[in-house]
């Protein structure tokens, strides 16, 4: 499928999505957001695609968030109209709570506003050493309504989260790593290699086991521990009925790499 504002490629079981609007710091207008939503719909539904990597074109910005110039030109009502039907949320990700396939953010520069909210929606974050993160929405009369005001206090101590949300504090890559938001910081020219290495580590596991693990972590987070421990979620049930449940122990016993089928 051809896109105008993003690039999508596949290699083996890995889908790579690149936001391709470097002239506006990879900010997203509704047309770009709709393309991202479509790309992640395709990824989510493709049984042969097991891991996604999301990055931005160039080395200055991962995503500068909402395209405010587009909004100023067309008005908030028109923007809301154009966004109607983008079920995955901003960038196709911030409301995509039912995707249990891993998504890796390769943050190649600034991730601000909605760009940071997209990062917070991913499972593993690799950042270039010059990357930075922030939620500057109050400074332009908005709020981080695509999940930033909800996710960040779940990940950071309250006062640290409020410094970002209320006072516009920007986090460096090293600071974000110290809070556990970023999994690894690397030089910019090593970013995509690092993201692909993380994808490779994930691919060593059975795909249904990986998805069942993410599903259980997400679903169980909002439950009392006792209820979560007693729950068997749908992907886990699929895993227990899968061919890979036989293949894993067999490969271990035969001292060979497993041949996962994802079914």
Protein backbone atom coordinates (compact mmCIF):
# COMPACT_ATOMS: atom_id res chain seq x y z
CA UNK A 1 0.00 0.00 0.00
CA UNK A 2 1.27 3.46 -0.92
CA UNK A 3 1.25 6.36 1.55
CA UNK A 4 1.97 10.06 1.12
CA UNK A 5 3.05 11.09 4.63
CA UNK A 6 4.59 7.91 6.03
CA UNK A 7 6.80 5.10 4.76
CA UNK A 8 6.07 1.48 5.62
CA UNK A 9 8.39 -1.47 5.00
CA UNK A 10 8.54 -5.08 6.14
CA UNK A 11 11.52 -7.34 6.71
CA UNK A 12 10.73 -10.84 7.84
CA UNK A 13 8.29 -10.53 10.72
CA UNK A 14 9.10 -6.84 11.42
CA UNK A 15 7.14 -3.85 10.13
CA UNK A 16 8.88 -0.45 10.16
CA UNK A 17 6.76 2.71 10.02
CA UNK A 18 8.54 6.03 9.39
CA UNK A 19 6.77 9.37 9.79
CA UNK A 20 7.93 11.23 6.69
CA UNK A 21 7.22 14.93 7.21
CA UNK A 22 10.69 16.20 8.20
CA UNK A 23 9.92 19.67 6.81
CA UNK A 24 7.50 20.15 9.75
CA UNK A 25 9.50 18.14 12.30
CA UNK A 26 7.30 15.11 11.54
CA UNK A 27 4.28 16.84 13.07
CA UNK A 28 1.02 15.09 12.25
CA UNK A 29 -1.98 16.62 10.56
CA UNK A 30 -5.14 14.49 10.31
CA UNK A 31 -4.17 13.06 6.90
CA UNK A 32 -0.86 11.76 8.25
CA UNK A 33 -2.55 10.48 11.40
CA UNK A 34 -5.09 8.59 9.27
CA UNK A 35 -2.30 6.96 7.28
CA UNK A 36 -0.59 5.87 10.50
CA UNK A 37 -3.86 4.46 11.81
CA UNK A 38 -4.27 2.48 8.60
CA UNK A 39 -0.68 1.21 8.71
CA UNK A 40 -1.06 -0.03 12.28
CA UNK A 41 -4.42 -1.59 11.43
CA UNK A 42 -2.67 -3.57 8.70
CA UNK A 43 0.15 -4.52 11.07
CA UNK A 44 -2.23 -5.60 13.81
CA UNK A 45 -4.27 -7.78 11.44
CA UNK A 46 -1.34 -9.39 9.57
CA UNK A 47 -0.57 -12.76 11.17
CA UNK A 48 2.89 -12.74 9.57
CA UNK A 49 3.94 -9.44 11.19
CA UNK A 50 4.99 -9.88 14.80
CA UNK A 51 6.85 -6.68 15.83
CA UNK A 52 6.64 -3.03 14.70
CA UNK A 53 9.25 -0.28 14.83
CA UNK A 54 8.13 3.36 14.64
CA UNK A 55 10.54 6.21 13.87
CA UNK A 56 10.70 9.59 12.14
CA UNK A 57 12.47 10.78 9.01
CA UNK A 58 15.68 12.76 9.49
CA UNK A 59 17.66 13.27 12.67
CA UNK A 60 15.93 16.29 14.22
CA UNK A 61 12.50 15.02 15.18
CA UNK A 62 10.68 11.81 15.93
CA UNK A 63 7.39 13.72 15.99
CA UNK A 64 6.69 17.28 17.11
CA UNK A 65 3.08 16.38 17.85
CA UNK A 66 0.00 17.98 16.36
CA UNK A 67 0.58 20.11 13.25
CA UNK A 68 -0.47 23.43 14.78
CA UNK A 69 0.03 25.37 11.53
CA UNK A 70 -2.46 23.08 9.82
CA UNK A 71 -4.87 23.53 12.72
CA UNK A 72 -4.46 27.31 12.69
CA UNK A 73 -5.15 27.38 8.95
CA UNK A 74 -8.16 25.05 8.96
CA UNK A 75 -9.58 25.55 12.46
CA UNK A 76 -10.24 23.08 15.27
CA UNK A 77 -13.68 22.06 14.00
CA UNK A 78 -12.29 21.02 10.62
CA UNK A 79 -9.45 19.14 12.31
CA UNK A 80 -11.93 17.28 14.51
CA UNK A 81 -13.99 16.43 11.44
CA UNK A 82 -10.94 15.09 9.59
CA UNK A 83 -9.91 13.01 12.61
CA UNK A 84 -13.31 11.34 12.86
CA UNK A 85 -12.99 7.60 12.42
CA UNK A 86 -9.30 7.37 13.41
CA UNK A 87 -10.02 4.73 16.03
CA UNK A 88 -6.40 4.16 17.06
CA UNK A 89 -6.08 7.69 18.45
CA UNK A 90 -3.35 10.21 17.70
CA UNK A 91 -0.87 8.72 15.28
CA UNK A 92 -3.00 5.60 15.21
CA UNK A 93 -1.53 4.48 18.52
CA UNK A 94 -2.58 6.44 21.60
CA UNK A 95 -5.94 4.62 21.86
CA UNK A 96 -4.79 1.31 20.36
CA UNK A 97 -5.14 -0.56 23.63
CA UNK A 98 -6.10 -3.87 22.00
CA UNK A 99 -2.88 -4.45 20.04
CA UNK A 100 -0.84 -7.07 21.85
CA UNK A 101 1.95 -7.20 19.30
CA UNK A 102 5.07 -5.34 20.53
CA UNK A 103 5.73 -1.85 19.19
CA UNK A 104 9.19 -0.30 19.49
CA UNK A 105 9.71 3.47 19.28
CA UNK A 106 13.04 4.50 17.76
CA UNK A 107 13.18 8.13 18.84
CA UNK A 108 15.52 9.98 16.49
CA UNK A 109 15.04 13.51 17.83
CA UNK A 110 12.45 15.57 19.67
CA UNK A 111 9.23 13.87 20.76
CA UNK A 112 6.91 16.62 21.88
CA UNK A 113 3.20 16.79 22.65
CA UNK A 114 1.43 14.11 20.69
CA UNK A 115 4.83 12.78 19.64
CA UNK A 116 5.66 12.05 23.28
CA UNK A 117 2.19 10.58 23.76
CA UNK A 118 2.89 8.20 20.87
CA UNK A 119 6.15 7.20 22.56
CA UNK A 120 4.28 6.52 25.80
CA UNK A 121 1.95 4.23 23.84
CA UNK A 122 4.84 2.02 22.69
CA UNK A 123 6.27 -0.95 24.57
CA UNK A 124 10.03 -0.45 24.21
CA UNK A 125 11.71 2.89 23.56
CA UNK A 126 15.18 3.30 22.07
CA UNK A 127 16.38 6.90 21.87
CA UNK A 128 19.18 8.73 20.12
CA UNK A 129 21.39 10.52 22.65
CA UNK A 130 20.20 13.92 21.35
CA UNK A 131 16.49 13.07 21.66
CA UNK A 132 14.23 14.90 24.10
CA UNK A 133 10.68 14.53 25.35
CA UNK A 134 8.03 16.98 26.54
CA UNK A 135 4.37 17.95 26.76
CA UNK A 136 4.21 21.67 25.93
CA UNK A 137 0.45 21.78 25.26
CA UNK A 138 -0.54 24.30 27.99
CA UNK A 139 1.76 26.83 26.33
CA UNK A 140 -0.45 26.82 23.24
CA UNK A 141 -3.78 26.63 25.06
CA UNK A 142 -4.16 22.85 24.91
CA UNK A 143 -3.58 19.84 27.14
CA UNK A 144 -1.92 16.47 26.51
CA UNK A 145 -5.31 14.85 25.93
CA UNK A 146 -4.06 11.92 23.82
CA UNK A 147 -3.00 10.06 26.95
CA UNK A 148 -0.08 12.15 28.21
CA UNK A 149 -1.87 13.43 31.31
CA UNK A 150 -2.91 9.86 32.14
CA UNK A 151 0.08 7.73 31.14
CA UNK A 152 2.91 9.89 32.43
CA UNK A 153 1.75 9.92 36.10
CA UNK A 154 1.55 6.13 35.87
CA UNK A 155 5.19 5.94 34.79
CA UNK A 156 6.85 8.74 36.78
CA UNK A 157 6.67 9.95 40.37
CA UNK A 158 3.87 12.50 40.70
CA UNK A 159 6.05 15.60 41.03
CA UNK A 160 8.27 14.57 38.12
CA UNK A 161 5.22 13.99 35.94
CA UNK A 162 3.69 17.34 36.94
CA UNK A 163 6.92 19.14 36.09
CA UNK A 164 6.51 17.88 32.53
CA UNK A 165 2.71 18.25 32.29
CA UNK A 166 2.21 21.61 34.07
CA UNK A 167 5.51 23.45 33.71
CA UNK A 168 6.63 22.15 30.33
CA UNK A 169 9.86 20.60 31.57
CA UNK A 170 11.61 18.78 28.75
CA UNK A 171 13.33 15.48 29.51
CA UNK A 172 16.63 14.59 27.88
CA UNK A 173 17.14 11.06 26.61
CA UNK A 174 19.28 10.32 29.67
CA UNK A 175 16.62 11.70 32.06
CA UNK A 176 13.90 9.70 30.32
CA UNK A 177 16.05 6.58 30.68
CA UNK A 178 16.60 7.28 34.37
CA UNK A 179 12.80 7.29 34.83
CA UNK A 180 12.44 4.04 32.92
CA UNK A 181 10.61 5.53 29.93
CA UNK A 182 13.55 4.85 27.61
CA UNK A 183 15.01 1.35 27.48
CA UNK A 184 18.31 2.29 25.79
CA UNK A 185 20.12 5.43 24.67
CA UNK A 186 22.48 5.15 21.70
CA UNK A 187 24.29 7.48 19.28
CA UNK A 188 22.00 8.69 16.52
CA UNK A 189 23.70 6.68 13.81
CA UNK A 190 23.18 3.48 15.81
CA UNK A 191 19.49 4.03 16.53
CA UNK A 192 17.85 1.79 13.93
CA UNK A 193 20.37 -0.98 14.47
CA UNK A 194 19.52 -0.88 18.18
CA UNK A 195 15.77 -0.95 17.45
CA UNK A 196 16.21 -3.92 15.12
CA UNK A 197 18.32 -5.66 17.77
CA UNK A 198 15.47 -5.26 20.29
CA UNK A 199 13.05 -6.60 17.68
CA UNK A 200 15.36 -9.57 17.15
CA UNK A 201 15.39 -10.32 20.87
CA UNK A 202 11.59 -10.29 20.92
CA UNK A 203 11.44 -12.57 17.87
CA UNK A 204 13.37 -15.23 19.75
CA UNK A 205 10.21 -15.81 21.79
CA UNK A 206 7.07 -17.48 20.50
CA UNK A 207 4.87 -14.74 19.01
CA UNK A 208 1.73 -15.89 20.81
CA UNK A 209 3.66 -16.06 24.08
CA UNK A 210 4.88 -12.51 23.55
CA UNK A 211 1.35 -11.29 22.78
CA UNK A 212 -0.17 -13.19 25.68
CA UNK A 213 2.41 -11.62 27.99
CA UNK A 214 1.62 -8.08 26.79
CA UNK A 215 -2.11 -8.78 26.98
CA UNK A 216 -1.86 -10.06 30.55
CA UNK A 217 0.31 -7.12 31.63
CA UNK A 218 -2.15 -4.60 30.17
CA UNK A 219 -5.35 -6.30 31.27
CA UNK A 220 -4.08 -7.21 34.71
CA UNK A 221 -2.82 -3.72 35.49
CA UNK A 222 -6.32 -2.50 36.25
CA UNK A 223 -7.29 -5.52 38.34
CA UNK A 224 -6.68 -6.49 41.93
CA UNK A 225 -3.67 -8.80 42.01
CA UNK A 226 -5.71 -11.81 43.15
CA UNK A 227 -8.10 -11.46 40.21
CA UNK A 228 -5.28 -10.93 37.72
CA UNK A 229 -3.48 -14.05 38.96
CA UNK A 230 -6.62 -16.13 38.40
CA UNK A 231 -7.39 -14.74 34.94
CA UNK A 232 -6.71 -16.43 31.61
CA UNK A 233 -7.04 -13.86 28.84
CA UNK A 234 -8.00 -14.68 25.22
CA UNK A 235 -4.54 -14.57 23.64
CA UNK A 236 -3.17 -16.72 26.48
CA UNK A 237 -5.88 -19.30 25.77
CA UNK A 238 -4.87 -19.23 22.11
CA UNK A 239 -1.26 -19.74 23.17
CA UNK A 240 -2.17 -22.77 25.29
CA UNK A 241 -3.92 -24.31 22.26
CA UNK A 242 -1.14 -23.50 19.78
CA UNK A 243 1.40 -25.61 17.90
CA UNK A 244 4.13 -23.42 19.38
CA UNK A 245 3.32 -24.76 22.85
CA UNK A 246 4.53 -28.13 21.55
CA UNK A 247 7.40 -26.71 19.52
CA UNK A 248 9.05 -24.78 22.37
CA UNK A 249 9.76 -27.69 24.73
CA UNK A 250 10.59 -29.96 21.78
CA UNK A 251 13.20 -27.52 20.45
CA UNK A 252 14.66 -27.17 23.95
CA UNK A 253 14.92 -30.95 24.35
CA UNK A 254 16.47 -31.31 20.88
CA UNK A 255 18.92 -28.45 21.56
CA UNK A 256 17.95 -26.48 18.46
CA UNK A 257 16.39 -23.09 17.78
CA UNK A 258 12.58 -23.22 17.82
CA UNK A 259 10.65 -22.80 14.59
CA UNK A 260 7.76 -20.61 15.66
CA UNK A 261 4.57 -20.57 13.58
CA UNK A 262 2.43 -18.18 15.61
CA UNK A 263 -0.48 -20.59 15.53
